[in-house]
Amino acid sequence: MASLAAILAPLWLLEGFHLFQLTVAVIMALAVLGLNIVTGYSGQISLGHGAFFAIGAYVTAALMSHAGWSFWATLPPSAALCGIVGYGVGLPALRLGGLYLALVTFSLAVAVPQLLKHRSLEAWTGGVQGLFLSKPEPPPWLPLDPDQHMYLLAVLVAGCCFWLTSNLVCSRIGLALMAIRDHPVAAEASGMDIAALKTRAFAVSAMITGVAGALSAVTIEYVAPDSFGLPLSITLFVGMVVGGVASVLGPVFGGLFVLFVPSIAESISRATPGVVYGVILIVFLVGMPDGIAGLIRRAAQRIGWSAEDRTT
């Protein structure tokens, strides 16, 4: 109940721009969660998840703008298309690994924004100008304004994805992915279908990140190709590392970090915000090498040990 109260409290404690920022942080946390499945749990380096974010956003934007679909109706096709593309990108993972796979996903992150500008897709994507959207209106029986409704919507979708991911990680498939990550030769010798697991991990990861992109489109009410360039993929990677690799809770902290720390850095120094951001990032990496979630886990273990010492 305490967790639910903490999640719902911003509906009444925050308003306007601050609630919008928190909504975007929830969406970024969801996108980082998708990346964490591939990199954290299956050990495959991806620098192109911003492309899946863009695909999910554009499918939702195009269907709402041109076909008049509701937001909820666009989620399945957005997730499905991202899953198909993710499965296709995962195929090189069967032959490539490490830095080589990172370069393949890097090329995807560079190519997708350019494709969105291509004249053959301009009728659907809006080309360089992008597409404008409207936030879904809250139902009449829900006494919330559009910003509050969007926050609640993002929390609901993200909560479902986090719950499903937690179940996946604790299942036999999740354990198999971690076995492939830690000991691929032993995993193959034990009869695991490494090819199927890797490609499915990429597909699921892309679907979750695509759903985050769909939420981003209606939250910001605008999509444009330049919003989904390579910096977005790097931002998601930073959020995963800072939050905690191979942690379901870590993306929550990663999403908060990548959204709020750049603003904090700019408030400290308007002349050199990048330098301040870099220093803050280095401090986090040195002080918490296994991420914020790892620090919390170690602190909880120490508290548990201290409690045991007092009872003995």
Protein backbone atom coordinates (compact mmCIF):
# COMPACT_ATOMS: atom_id res chain seq x y z
CA MET A 1 0.00 0.00 0.00
CA ALA A 2 2.87 2.37 0.76
CA SER A 3 4.31 1.85 -2.73
CA LEU A 4 0.93 2.48 -4.35
CA ALA A 5 0.49 5.66 -2.32
CA ALA A 6 3.96 6.88 -3.37
CA ILE A 7 3.14 6.21 -7.03
CA LEU A 8 -0.21 8.00 -6.91
CA ALA A 9 0.92 10.92 -4.72
CA PRO A 10 2.32 12.98 -7.64
CA LEU A 11 -1.21 13.22 -9.07
CA TRP A 12 -2.03 15.66 -6.29
CA LEU A 13 1.41 16.92 -5.22
CA LEU A 14 2.64 17.91 -8.69
CA GLU A 15 1.02 19.74 -11.56
CA GLY A 16 1.82 21.16 -14.95
CA PHE A 17 5.41 20.90 -16.12
CA HIS A 18 6.65 18.99 -13.07
CA LEU A 19 4.08 16.24 -13.54
CA PHE A 20 4.96 16.16 -17.23
CA GLN A 21 8.63 15.67 -16.34
CA LEU A 22 7.82 12.79 -14.03
CA THR A 23 5.68 11.19 -16.74
CA VAL A 24 8.60 11.36 -19.16
CA ALA A 25 10.86 9.84 -16.48
CA VAL A 26 8.46 6.89 -16.18
CA ILE A 27 8.56 6.45 -19.96
CA MET A 28 12.36 6.58 -20.03
CA ALA A 29 12.47 3.99 -17.25
CA LEU A 30 10.31 1.70 -19.40
CA ALA A 31 12.62 2.18 -22.39
CA VAL A 32 15.67 1.41 -20.22
CA LEU A 33 13.90 -1.72 -18.99
CA GLY A 34 13.66 -2.95 -22.57
CA LEU A 35 17.37 -2.39 -23.14
CA ASN A 36 18.18 -4.13 -19.86
CA ILE A 37 16.61 -7.37 -21.09
CA VAL A 38 19.06 -7.56 -23.99
CA THR A 39 22.20 -6.21 -22.34
CA GLY A 40 21.67 -6.94 -18.67
CA TYR A 41 20.12 -10.38 -18.84
CA SER A 42 21.32 -11.86 -22.13
CA GLY A 43 24.68 -10.09 -22.33
CA GLN A 44 24.28 -8.58 -25.81
CA ILE A 45 25.45 -5.00 -26.27
CA SER A 46 22.93 -2.78 -28.05
CA LEU A 47 23.51 0.85 -29.01
CA GLY A 48 20.42 1.10 -31.17
CA HIS A 49 17.40 0.93 -28.89
CA GLY A 50 16.55 4.51 -29.73
CA ALA A 51 15.48 3.12 -33.13
CA PHE A 52 12.85 0.88 -31.51
CA PHE A 53 11.70 3.86 -29.43
CA ALA A 54 11.28 5.83 -32.66
CA ILE A 55 9.38 3.05 -34.44
CA GLY A 56 6.93 2.68 -31.57
CA ALA A 57 6.39 6.44 -31.43
CA TYR A 58 5.86 6.79 -35.17
CA VAL A 59 3.46 3.86 -35.51
CA THR A 60 1.28 5.36 -32.78
CA ALA A 61 1.58 8.88 -34.22
CA ALA A 62 0.76 7.77 -37.77
CA LEU A 63 -2.24 5.66 -36.78
CA MET A 64 -3.66 8.39 -34.54
CA SER A 65 -3.04 11.23 -37.01
CA HIS A 66 -3.94 9.56 -40.32
CA ALA A 67 -6.29 6.73 -39.37
CA GLY A 68 -8.00 8.24 -36.33
CA TRP A 69 -7.15 5.33 -34.03
CA SER A 70 -7.31 5.69 -30.27
CA PHE A 71 -4.08 5.46 -28.31
CA TRP A 72 -4.95 2.07 -26.79
CA ALA A 73 -5.66 0.64 -30.24
CA THR A 74 -2.20 1.68 -31.48
CA LEU A 75 -0.27 -0.12 -28.74
CA PRO A 76 -0.56 -3.67 -30.17
CA PRO A 77 0.64 -2.76 -33.70
CA SER A 78 3.42 -0.57 -32.27
CA ALA A 79 4.66 -3.39 -30.05
CA ALA A 80 4.23 -5.99 -32.82
CA LEU A 81 6.19 -4.05 -35.44
CA CYS A 82 8.98 -3.31 -32.95
CA GLY A 83 9.05 -6.99 -32.02
CA ILE A 84 9.40 -8.00 -35.67
CA VAL A 85 12.20 -5.50 -36.29
CA GLY A 86 13.87 -6.53 -33.02
CA TYR A 87 13.73 -10.19 -34.06
CA GLY A 88 15.35 -9.27 -37.36
CA VAL A 89 18.08 -7.28 -35.63
CA GLY A 90 18.59 -10.19 -33.24
CA LEU A 91 19.49 -12.53 -36.08
CA PRO A 92 23.02 -11.08 -36.46
CA ALA A 93 23.46 -11.83 -32.75
CA LEU A 94 23.63 -15.52 -33.71
CA ARG A 95 26.92 -14.92 -35.53
CA LEU A 96 28.12 -11.67 -34.01
CA GLY A 97 28.74 -10.66 -30.43
CA GLY A 98 30.34 -8.00 -28.30
CA LEU A 99 31.56 -4.95 -30.19
CA TYR A 100 30.50 -6.31 -33.58
CA LEU A 101 26.87 -6.59 -32.51
CA ALA A 102 27.14 -3.14 -30.93
CA LEU A 103 28.15 -1.76 -34.34
CA VAL A 104 25.16 -3.43 -36.01
CA THR A 105 22.75 -1.82 -33.56
CA PHE A 106 24.68 1.44 -33.83
CA SER A 107 24.02 1.47 -37.58
CA LEU A 108 20.31 0.91 -36.88
CA ALA A 109 20.22 3.94 -34.58
CA VAL A 110 21.84 6.06 -37.28
CA ALA A 111 19.69 4.75 -40.15
CA VAL A 112 16.16 4.91 -38.71
CA PRO A 113 15.94 8.73 -38.29
CA GLN A 114 17.12 9.12 -41.89
CA LEU A 115 14.55 6.62 -43.14
CA LEU A 116 11.80 8.53 -41.34
CA LYS A 117 12.68 11.58 -43.43
CA HIS A 118 12.62 9.70 -46.75
CA ARG A 119 10.13 10.97 -49.29
CA SER A 120 8.56 7.53 -49.75
CA LEU A 121 7.42 7.59 -46.10
CA GLU A 122 6.78 11.32 -45.83
CA ALA A 123 3.02 10.95 -46.27
CA TRP A 124 2.89 8.88 -43.07
CA THR A 125 5.78 10.30 -41.05
CA GLY A 126 5.43 13.98 -41.93
CA GLY A 127 9.05 14.08 -43.09
CA VAL A 128 11.32 16.59 -41.39
CA GLN A 129 8.33 18.46 -39.96
CA GLY A 130 7.11 15.44 -37.99
CA LEU A 131 3.58 14.90 -36.69
CA PHE A 132 1.52 16.65 -34.03
CA LEU A 133 -0.75 14.70 -31.69
CA SER A 134 -3.19 15.29 -28.88
CA LYS A 135 -3.13 13.61 -25.50
CA PRO A 136 -5.90 11.07 -24.97
CA GLU A 137 -8.75 12.62 -23.03
CA PRO A 138 -9.55 11.09 -19.63
CA PRO A 139 -12.87 9.24 -19.43
CA PRO A 140 -15.77 11.32 -18.08
CA TRP A 141 -15.96 9.29 -14.87
CA LEU A 142 -12.30 9.99 -14.01
CA PRO A 143 -11.85 13.42 -12.35
CA LEU A 144 -8.37 14.11 -13.78
CA ASP A 145 -6.94 16.67 -16.16
CA PRO A 146 -5.04 15.51 -19.29
CA ASP A 147 -1.61 15.72 -17.58
CA GLN A 148 -2.76 13.68 -14.60
CA HIS A 149 -4.44 11.18 -16.90
CA MET A 150 -1.26 10.82 -18.97
CA TYR A 151 0.82 10.19 -15.84
CA LEU A 152 -1.63 7.56 -14.66
CA LEU A 153 -1.63 6.00 -18.13
CA ALA A 154 2.17 5.85 -18.23
CA VAL A 155 2.37 4.36 -14.74
CA LEU A 156 -0.25 1.74 -15.60
CA VAL A 157 1.45 0.60 -18.81
CA ALA A 158 4.93 0.72 -17.27
CA GLY A 159 3.74 -1.16 -14.18
CA CYS A 160 2.36 -3.98 -16.34
CA CYS A 161 5.63 -4.19 -18.32
CA PHE A 162 7.76 -4.20 -15.17
CA TRP A 163 5.58 -6.93 -13.64
CA LEU A 164 5.80 -9.08 -16.77
CA THR A 165 9.56 -8.54 -16.99
CA SER A 166 10.00 -9.51 -13.35
CA ASN A 167 8.10 -12.74 -13.99
CA LEU A 168 10.16 -13.38 -17.13
CA VAL A 169 13.46 -12.90 -15.33
CA CYS A 170 12.47 -15.28 -12.55
CA SER A 171 11.22 -17.93 -14.99
CA ARG A 172 13.17 -20.70 -16.69
CA ILE A 173 13.62 -18.48 -19.74
CA GLY A 174 15.18 -15.72 -17.64
CA LEU A 175 17.53 -18.16 -15.95
CA ALA A 176 18.47 -19.55 -19.37
CA LEU A 177 19.26 -16.04 -20.66
CA MET A 178 21.53 -15.38 -17.69
CA ALA A 179 23.23 -18.75 -18.22
CA ILE A 180 23.90 -17.79 -21.84
CA ARG A 181 25.25 -14.44 -20.68
CA ASP A 182 27.60 -15.92 -18.07
CA HIS A 183 28.60 -19.28 -19.60
CA PRO A 184 27.52 -19.59 -23.25
CA VAL A 185 29.55 -22.75 -23.92
CA ALA A 186 28.14 -24.52 -20.87
CA ALA A 187 24.62 -23.35 -21.77
CA GLU A 188 24.93 -24.76 -25.27
CA ALA A 189 26.36 -28.01 -23.94
CA SER A 190 23.38 -28.38 -21.62
CA GLY A 191 21.00 -28.30 -24.60
CA MET A 192 19.76 -24.70 -24.53
CA ASP A 193 18.60 -23.26 -27.86
CA ILE A 194 20.86 -20.22 -27.81
CA ALA A 195 19.71 -18.95 -31.22
CA ALA A 196 16.03 -18.91 -30.26
CA LEU A 197 16.65 -17.36 -26.85
CA LYS A 198 18.82 -14.54 -28.19
CA THR A 199 16.43 -13.55 -30.96
CA ARG A 200 13.40 -13.74 -28.66
CA ALA A 201 15.19 -11.60 -26.09
CA PHE A 202 15.80 -8.96 -28.75
CA ALA A 203 12.17 -9.11 -29.83
CA VAL A 204 10.76 -8.74 -26.31
CA SER A 205 13.24 -5.98 -25.56
CA ALA A 206 12.27 -4.09 -28.72
CA MET A 207 8.55 -4.47 -27.93
CA ILE A 208 8.94 -2.92 -24.47
CA THR A 209 11.03 -0.05 -25.80
CA GLY A 210 8.53 0.46 -28.62
CA VAL A 211 5.67 0.73 -26.11
CA ALA A 212 7.72 3.39 -24.31
CA GLY A 213 8.06 5.23 -27.61
CA ALA A 214 4.30 5.09 -28.13
CA LEU A 215 3.74 6.60 -24.69
CA SER A 216 6.31 9.28 -25.43
CA ALA A 217 4.52 10.30 -28.63
CA VAL A 218 1.22 11.07 -26.90
CA THR A 219 2.89 12.59 -23.82
CA ILE A 220 5.01 15.08 -25.77
CA GLU A 221 2.28 15.41 -28.44
CA TYR A 222 4.87 15.59 -31.20
CA VAL A 223 7.27 13.32 -33.06
CA ALA A 224 10.12 14.30 -35.38
CA PRO A 225 13.04 12.26 -36.79
CA ASP A 226 15.71 14.38 -35.13
CA SER A 227 14.26 13.56 -31.70
CA PHE A 228 15.30 9.91 -32.09
CA GLY A 229 18.91 10.17 -33.14
CA LEU A 230 21.94 8.38 -31.74
CA PRO A 231 22.01 10.49 -28.52
CA LEU A 232 18.75 8.84 -27.47
CA SER A 233 20.28 5.36 -27.71
CA ILE A 234 23.32 6.50 -25.73
CA THR A 235 21.02 8.07 -23.13
CA LEU A 236 19.18 4.78 -22.67
CA PHE A 237 22.49 2.96 -22.29
CA VAL A 238 23.64 5.45 -19.66
CA GLY A 239 20.36 5.04 -17.79
CA MET A 240 20.78 1.27 -17.75
CA VAL A 241 24.34 1.41 -16.39
CA VAL A 242 23.63 4.07 -13.77
CA GLY A 243 20.40 2.44 -12.64
CA GLY A 244 21.88 -1.03 -12.45
CA VAL A 245 22.54 -3.66 -15.10
CA ALA A 246 20.54 -6.90 -14.76
CA SER A 247 18.12 -5.34 -12.30
CA VAL A 248 14.37 -4.88 -12.72
CA LEU A 249 14.39 -2.00 -10.24
CA GLY A 250 17.43 -0.32 -11.81
CA PRO A 251 15.63 1.20 -14.83
CA VAL A 252 13.45 3.26 -12.48
CA PHE A 253 16.53 5.04 -11.14
CA GLY A 254 18.06 5.15 -14.61
CA GLY A 255 14.99 6.89 -16.02
CA LEU A 256 15.08 9.49 -13.25
CA PHE A 257 18.81 10.03 -13.77
CA VAL A 258 18.75 10.61 -17.54
CA LEU A 259 15.82 13.01 -17.29
CA PHE A 260 16.68 15.13 -14.26
CA VAL A 261 20.50 15.13 -14.03
CA PRO A 262 21.03 17.05 -17.33
CA SER A 263 18.71 19.76 -16.00
CA ILE A 264 20.60 19.83 -12.71
CA ALA A 265 23.88 20.11 -14.62
CA GLU A 266 22.55 23.05 -16.63
CA SER A 267 21.36 24.80 -13.49
CA ILE A 268 24.86 24.43 -11.99
CA SER A 269 26.64 25.78 -15.06
CA ARG A 270 24.88 27.19 -18.10
CA ALA A 271 28.21 27.65 -19.87
CA THR A 272 29.45 24.06 -19.56
CA PRO A 273 26.51 21.78 -18.67
CA GLY A 274 28.12 18.86 -20.52
CA VAL A 275 31.20 19.03 -18.31
CA VAL A 276 29.11 19.04 -15.14
CA TYR A 277 27.00 16.16 -16.43
CA GLY A 278 30.15 14.18 -17.24
CA VAL A 279 31.57 14.76 -13.76
CA ILE A 280 28.29 13.68 -12.12
CA LEU A 281 28.21 10.56 -14.30
CA ILE A 282 31.79 9.64 -13.41
CA VAL A 283 31.07 10.11 -9.71
CA PHE A 284 28.08 7.78 -9.99
CA LEU A 285 30.07 5.14 -11.87
CA VAL A 286 33.00 5.26 -9.44
CA GLY A 287 30.87 5.34 -6.31
CA MET A 288 28.28 2.82 -7.53
CA PRO A 289 29.94 0.46 -10.05
CA ASP A 290 26.91 -1.84 -10.05
CA GLY A 291 24.41 1.01 -10.25
CA ILE A 292 21.98 2.62 -7.85
CA ALA A 293 20.00 -0.61 -7.54
CA GLY A 294 23.20 -2.44 -6.60
CA LEU A 295 23.95 0.13 -3.90
CA ILE A 296 20.45 -0.30 -2.46
CA ARG A 297 20.82 -4.08 -2.57
CA ARG A 298 24.14 -3.97 -0.71
CA ALA A 299 22.71 -1.55 1.88
CA ALA A 300 19.73 -3.85 2.44
CA GLN A 301 22.06 -6.81 2.91
CA ARG A 302 24.14 -4.93 5.46
CA ILE A 303 21.04 -3.88 7.36
CA GLY A 304 19.93 -7.50 7.37
CA TRP A 305 23.31 -8.64 8.63
CA SER A 306 23.28 -5.98 11.34
CA ALA A 307 19.84 -7.11 12.47
CA GLU A 308 21.07 -10.69 12.62
CA ASP A 309 24.11 -9.64 14.64
CA ARG A 310 21.88 -7.90 17.20
CA THR A 311 19.72 -10.99 17.63
CA THR A 312 22.68 -13.35 18.16
